[in-house]
Amino acid sequence: MNKNLCYIVICLSVMQLIVSSCGINNSQGDAATDELKIEHISKADSTAFSHDANKVCNVKAMVNAVYPVYYVNDTLTHQLQVLYINEVLGMPVNGSGKQIITTVFDETAVALTRQFGDSEDEILYGVFPDKQILNYVTSLDVSIVQDSNGIVSFCRHEEVNKDGKLTADSHHYINIDLQRMRKIDIYNLFNEEALSDVSNMLKSKLLKQMNAKNEEELIGMGYFNLDNITVNSNFYFGENGVTWNYVTYEIACYSVGETQITLDYASLAPYISTDSVLSRFLKTA
């Protein structure tokens, strides 16, 4: 074989090997390929029960969710799916193997319909409360807001419409450490003695983002429960920092709605605990 042609073949083979070893959106923060595989599913359920001879309550539930179908190997996939079902969907795990993730969404839709009235008891015992005709539509949307540094952050968004009017709208965030296969709580971020300092930082940041001079002005804006502005478990990791979410009525009245407060990674650095998961973001911030 011609020496020049042989050289070209060798170069092309090396280039192909390099390209094939590169991953996209690496969830582990190293040079390996992204092993977290995600799919989407949609489920619906409905129920109806009488309130009296002429009045009916109709409930429709919809689930639209992304979920993990594979991570590294079968053992870790099972562990991650169990965490997802327990922590993200808030459902018990029934059974084992691949079937647990394929059947749980039907169960989740049914559970959503059951949160409006004691329909089963009403049907069984003939107890019909004195209510108007009600039509509920409830939806659960699960999405991923962040997947990097070996951490995946899920958002659980719930809405309830009653007779065509939005009555509830909330976002809850659940973070899973893929490296240790566990849900992340605030004690995986900070030393316990630092929690009050970080909570004060959250209050100061809220004052700034609302252009309020003091807490009295915040109260005037509808923030009636400033004591609840703490480092709660409803947070997620972003490109620039950690964002805490406070649902309606948690710290403010309905007209204010949900409140989000973000603290950048650099400002949180002095308060992190030993082996805090935040250290992974500080290295890349």
Protein backbone atom coordinates (compact mmCIF):
# COMPACT_ATOMS: atom_id res chain seq x y z
CA MET A 1 0.00 0.00 0.00
CA ASN A 2 1.21 3.51 -0.81
CA LYS A 3 2.80 5.13 2.28
CA ASN A 4 0.75 8.34 1.91
CA LEU A 5 -2.49 6.37 1.55
CA CYS A 6 -1.62 4.26 4.61
CA TYR A 7 -0.97 7.43 6.61
CA ILE A 8 -4.36 8.87 5.60
CA VAL A 9 -6.19 5.66 6.59
CA ILE A 10 -4.50 5.63 10.01
CA CYS A 11 -5.39 9.33 10.62
CA LEU A 12 -9.03 8.77 9.65
CA SER A 13 -9.26 5.77 12.00
CA VAL A 14 -7.88 7.78 14.92
CA MET A 15 -10.26 10.67 14.21
CA GLN A 16 -13.24 8.29 14.11
CA LEU A 17 -12.20 6.79 17.45
CA ILE A 18 -11.94 10.25 19.03
CA VAL A 19 -15.33 11.37 17.72
CA SER A 20 -17.08 8.18 18.83
CA SER A 21 -15.79 8.63 22.40
CA CYS A 22 -17.24 12.14 22.87
CA GLY A 23 -20.52 12.55 24.75
CA ILE A 24 -23.19 15.25 24.66
CA ASN A 25 -24.57 17.10 27.72
CA ASN A 26 -22.51 15.00 30.11
CA SER A 27 -24.46 14.48 33.36
CA GLN A 28 -21.39 13.26 35.25
CA GLY A 29 -19.20 16.28 34.48
CA ASP A 30 -16.38 14.20 32.91
CA ALA A 31 -15.50 12.96 29.43
CA ALA A 32 -17.86 9.97 29.43
CA THR A 33 -21.01 9.86 27.35
CA ASP A 34 -24.25 10.96 28.94
CA GLU A 35 -25.79 7.78 30.37
CA LEU A 36 -29.08 9.35 31.51
CA LYS A 37 -31.77 8.52 28.97
CA ILE A 38 -35.13 10.29 29.23
CA GLU A 39 -38.52 9.59 27.64
CA HIS A 40 -41.93 11.29 27.79
CA ILE A 41 -45.34 9.87 28.62
CA SER A 42 -48.91 11.23 28.73
CA LYS A 43 -51.76 9.68 30.71
CA ALA A 44 -55.32 10.75 31.54
CA ASP A 45 -58.11 9.60 33.83
CA SER A 46 -61.55 10.84 34.81
CA THR A 47 -64.26 10.14 37.35
CA ALA A 48 -67.74 11.42 38.18
CA PHE A 49 -69.84 11.12 41.31
CA SER A 50 -73.19 12.47 42.41
CA HIS A 51 -73.78 15.14 45.02
CA ASP A 52 -77.54 14.72 44.94
CA ALA A 53 -80.19 13.56 42.50
CA ASN A 54 -79.40 16.30 39.98
CA LYS A 55 -75.87 17.44 40.74
CA VAL A 56 -72.64 15.83 39.59
CA CYS A 57 -68.93 16.35 40.18
CA ASN A 58 -66.73 15.61 37.17
CA VAL A 59 -62.97 15.29 37.61
CA LYS A 60 -60.41 14.99 34.83
CA ALA A 61 -56.73 14.33 35.50
CA MET A 62 -53.84 14.59 33.07
CA VAL A 63 -50.23 13.56 33.55
CA ASN A 64 -47.49 14.74 31.18
CA ALA A 65 -44.07 13.68 32.36
CA VAL A 66 -40.50 13.02 31.38
CA TYR A 67 -38.98 10.08 33.20
CA PRO A 68 -35.69 8.13 33.30
CA VAL A 69 -35.69 4.96 31.22
CA TYR A 70 -32.00 4.10 31.59
CA TYR A 71 -28.96 5.12 33.60
CA VAL A 72 -25.57 3.35 33.29
CA ASN A 73 -26.83 -0.19 34.08
CA ASP A 74 -29.96 -2.07 35.15
CA THR A 75 -29.20 -1.80 38.88
CA LEU A 76 -28.72 1.97 38.86
CA THR A 77 -31.69 2.38 36.52
CA HIS A 78 -33.92 0.57 39.01
CA GLN A 79 -32.62 2.69 41.92
CA LEU A 80 -33.19 5.91 39.97
CA GLN A 81 -36.69 4.90 38.90
CA VAL A 82 -37.63 4.05 42.50
CA LEU A 83 -36.38 7.48 43.60
CA TYR A 84 -38.31 9.12 40.77
CA ILE A 85 -41.54 7.33 41.67
CA ASN A 86 -41.23 8.04 45.40
CA GLU A 87 -39.86 11.58 45.34
CA VAL A 88 -41.00 13.12 42.04
CA LEU A 89 -44.36 11.45 41.50
CA GLY A 90 -45.00 10.99 45.23
CA MET A 91 -46.26 7.46 44.69
CA PRO A 92 -45.46 4.16 46.44
CA VAL A 93 -43.43 1.61 44.51
CA ASN A 94 -45.41 -1.50 43.62
CA GLY A 95 -43.62 -4.44 42.07
CA SER A 96 -40.13 -4.54 40.61
CA GLY A 97 -38.26 -4.52 37.33
CA LYS A 98 -39.24 -2.60 34.20
CA GLN A 99 -42.95 -2.80 35.00
CA ILE A 100 -42.76 -0.37 37.93
CA ILE A 101 -42.13 2.65 35.68
CA THR A 102 -44.66 1.69 32.99
CA THR A 103 -47.65 1.21 35.30
CA VAL A 104 -47.11 3.99 37.82
CA PHE A 105 -48.38 6.79 35.56
CA ASP A 106 -51.84 5.26 35.37
CA GLU A 107 -51.83 5.05 39.16
CA THR A 108 -50.69 8.69 39.38
CA ALA A 109 -53.59 9.88 37.18
CA VAL A 110 -56.06 7.94 39.32
CA ALA A 111 -54.55 9.44 42.50
CA LEU A 112 -55.01 12.95 41.08
CA THR A 113 -58.73 12.36 40.57
CA ARG A 114 -59.16 11.18 44.16
CA GLN A 115 -58.06 14.42 45.78
CA PHE A 116 -61.44 16.09 45.11
CA GLY A 117 -64.03 14.98 47.62
CA ASP A 118 -64.56 11.56 49.11
CA SER A 119 -66.08 10.19 45.95
CA GLU A 120 -65.78 6.53 46.90
CA ASP A 121 -67.40 7.08 50.29
CA GLU A 122 -70.15 9.15 48.71
CA ILE A 123 -70.93 6.39 46.26
CA LEU A 124 -70.76 3.63 48.87
CA TYR A 125 -72.81 5.31 51.57
CA GLY A 126 -75.04 7.59 49.51
CA VAL A 127 -73.78 10.75 51.21
CA PHE A 128 -74.26 13.66 48.83
CA PRO A 129 -73.02 17.02 50.19
CA ASP A 130 -74.97 20.15 49.31
CA LYS A 131 -72.72 21.49 46.55
CA GLN A 132 -73.17 22.96 43.11
CA ILE A 133 -72.24 21.13 39.93
CA LEU A 134 -68.43 21.05 39.91
CA ASN A 135 -66.05 20.38 37.05
CA TYR A 136 -62.41 19.91 38.04
CA VAL A 137 -59.48 19.58 35.65
CA THR A 138 -56.15 18.83 37.31
CA SER A 139 -52.83 18.43 35.55
CA LEU A 140 -49.37 17.28 36.55
CA ASP A 141 -46.40 18.18 34.36
CA VAL A 142 -42.94 16.83 35.16
CA SER A 143 -39.92 18.32 33.39
CA ILE A 144 -36.16 18.52 33.83
CA VAL A 145 -34.74 21.96 34.59
CA GLN A 146 -31.12 20.91 35.02
CA ASP A 147 -28.91 17.90 34.30
CA SER A 148 -25.21 18.42 34.97
CA ASN A 149 -22.45 17.65 37.47
CA GLY A 150 -24.06 14.32 38.31
CA ILE A 151 -27.29 15.99 39.47
CA VAL A 152 -30.70 16.02 37.78
CA SER A 153 -33.35 18.54 38.89
CA PHE A 154 -37.00 17.69 38.21
CA CYS A 155 -39.86 20.21 38.30
CA ARG A 156 -43.31 19.00 39.37
CA HIS A 157 -45.87 21.54 38.13
CA GLU A 158 -49.47 21.10 39.28
CA GLU A 159 -52.54 23.05 38.19
CA VAL A 160 -56.17 22.78 39.25
CA ASN A 161 -59.06 24.37 37.37
CA LYS A 162 -62.51 24.48 38.97
CA ASP A 163 -65.41 25.24 36.62
CA GLY A 164 -62.93 26.75 34.17
CA LYS A 165 -61.18 28.96 36.74
CA LEU A 166 -57.58 28.41 37.86
CA THR A 167 -57.65 27.73 41.60
CA ALA A 168 -54.18 26.26 42.24
CA ASP A 169 -50.82 26.53 40.50
CA SER A 170 -47.60 25.32 42.13
CA HIS A 171 -44.07 24.23 41.28
CA HIS A 172 -42.05 21.84 43.41
CA TYR A 173 -38.47 20.92 42.61
CA ILE A 174 -36.79 17.61 43.39
CA ASN A 175 -33.05 17.13 42.98
CA ILE A 176 -31.44 13.70 42.68
CA ASP A 177 -27.73 13.03 43.13
CA LEU A 178 -26.90 10.49 40.43
CA GLN A 179 -23.47 9.80 41.85
CA ARG A 180 -24.85 8.72 45.24
CA MET A 181 -28.36 7.85 44.06
CA ARG A 182 -30.30 9.83 46.66
CA LYS A 183 -32.57 12.84 46.92
CA ILE A 184 -30.69 16.03 47.80
CA ASP A 185 -31.86 18.00 50.84
CA ILE A 186 -30.51 21.19 52.38
CA TYR A 187 -28.15 19.23 54.66
CA ASN A 188 -26.36 17.99 51.55
CA LEU A 189 -25.64 21.66 50.80
CA PHE A 190 -24.95 23.54 54.04
CA ASN A 191 -23.73 23.13 57.57
CA GLU A 192 -26.67 23.25 59.98
CA GLU A 193 -25.28 26.29 61.80
CA ALA A 194 -25.17 28.18 58.49
CA LEU A 195 -28.85 27.79 57.66
CA SER A 196 -29.93 30.96 59.47
CA ASP A 197 -27.28 32.99 57.64
CA VAL A 198 -28.38 31.69 54.26
CA SER A 199 -32.02 32.38 55.19
CA ASN A 200 -31.07 35.99 55.98
CA MET A 201 -29.38 36.19 52.57
CA LEU A 202 -32.64 35.07 50.97
CA LYS A 203 -34.58 37.81 52.79
CA SER A 204 -32.01 40.42 51.75
CA LYS A 205 -32.16 39.26 48.13
CA LEU A 206 -35.97 39.44 48.16
CA LEU A 207 -35.83 43.02 49.47
CA LYS A 208 -33.50 43.89 46.60
CA GLN A 209 -35.48 42.22 43.83
CA MET A 210 -38.73 43.80 45.06
CA ASN A 211 -37.08 47.24 45.49
CA ALA A 212 -38.28 47.31 49.10
CA LYS A 213 -36.45 49.36 51.74
CA ASN A 214 -37.43 47.15 54.66
CA GLU A 215 -39.61 44.24 55.75
CA GLU A 216 -42.55 46.55 56.42
CA GLU A 217 -42.63 47.45 52.73
CA LEU A 218 -42.56 43.76 51.84
CA ILE A 219 -45.54 43.18 54.14
CA GLY A 220 -47.34 46.00 52.37
CA MET A 221 -46.75 44.19 49.08
CA GLY A 222 -48.47 41.07 50.38
CA TYR A 223 -45.59 39.14 51.95
CA PHE A 224 -47.34 38.25 55.19
CA ASN A 225 -45.10 35.39 56.42
CA LEU A 226 -41.46 36.45 56.24
CA ASP A 227 -40.49 33.81 58.81
CA ASN A 228 -41.06 31.18 56.12
CA ILE A 229 -38.35 32.66 53.89
CA THR A 230 -35.88 29.93 54.74
CA VAL A 231 -33.67 27.43 52.97
CA ASN A 232 -36.52 24.99 52.40
CA SER A 233 -36.38 21.84 50.29
CA ASN A 234 -38.11 23.42 47.27
CA PHE A 235 -35.03 24.48 45.30
CA TYR A 236 -33.15 23.67 42.13
CA PHE A 237 -29.67 24.19 40.67
CA GLY A 238 -29.24 26.56 37.76
CA GLU A 239 -26.44 27.92 35.63
CA ASN A 240 -25.84 30.89 37.92
CA GLY A 241 -26.91 29.68 41.37
CA VAL A 242 -29.48 27.92 43.53
CA THR A 243 -33.09 29.08 43.20
CA TRP A 244 -35.60 28.65 46.03
CA ASN A 245 -39.30 28.54 45.20
CA TYR A 246 -42.08 29.52 47.62
CA VAL A 247 -45.55 28.41 46.58
CA THR A 248 -48.69 30.54 46.85
CA TYR A 249 -49.67 31.29 50.47
CA GLU A 250 -46.30 30.05 51.78
CA ILE A 251 -44.87 33.53 52.27
CA ALA A 252 -47.33 35.79 50.43
CA CYS A 253 -50.99 36.20 49.58
CA TYR A 254 -52.69 34.75 46.51
CA SER A 255 -52.33 37.90 44.42
CA VAL A 256 -48.53 37.71 44.76
CA GLY A 257 -48.42 34.09 43.67
CA GLU A 258 -45.23 32.07 43.79
CA THR A 259 -41.91 33.73 44.60
CA GLN A 260 -38.47 32.63 43.42
CA ILE A 261 -35.19 33.82 44.93
CA THR A 262 -31.78 32.96 43.46
CA LEU A 263 -28.47 33.10 45.32
CA ASP A 264 -25.33 32.81 43.19
CA TYR A 265 -22.84 30.03 43.87
CA ALA A 266 -20.02 32.37 44.90
CA SER A 267 -22.10 33.94 47.70
CA LEU A 268 -23.05 30.47 48.98
CA ALA A 269 -19.49 29.13 48.99
CA PRO A 270 -18.62 30.20 52.59
CA TYR A 271 -21.59 28.25 53.98
CA ILE A 272 -21.32 24.90 52.24
CA SER A 273 -20.89 21.71 54.26
CA THR A 274 -18.06 19.24 53.94
CA ASP A 275 -18.48 17.30 50.70
CA SER A 276 -21.40 19.54 49.71
CA VAL A 277 -22.87 18.87 46.26
CA LEU A 278 -22.54 22.63 45.72
CA SER A 279 -18.78 22.17 45.37
CA ARG A 280 -19.40 20.56 41.96
CA PHE A 281 -21.02 23.78 40.72
CA LEU A 282 -18.37 26.02 42.30
CA LYS A 283 -15.74 24.32 40.19
CA THR A 284 -17.62 25.21 37.02
CA ALA A 285 -19.13 28.59 38.07
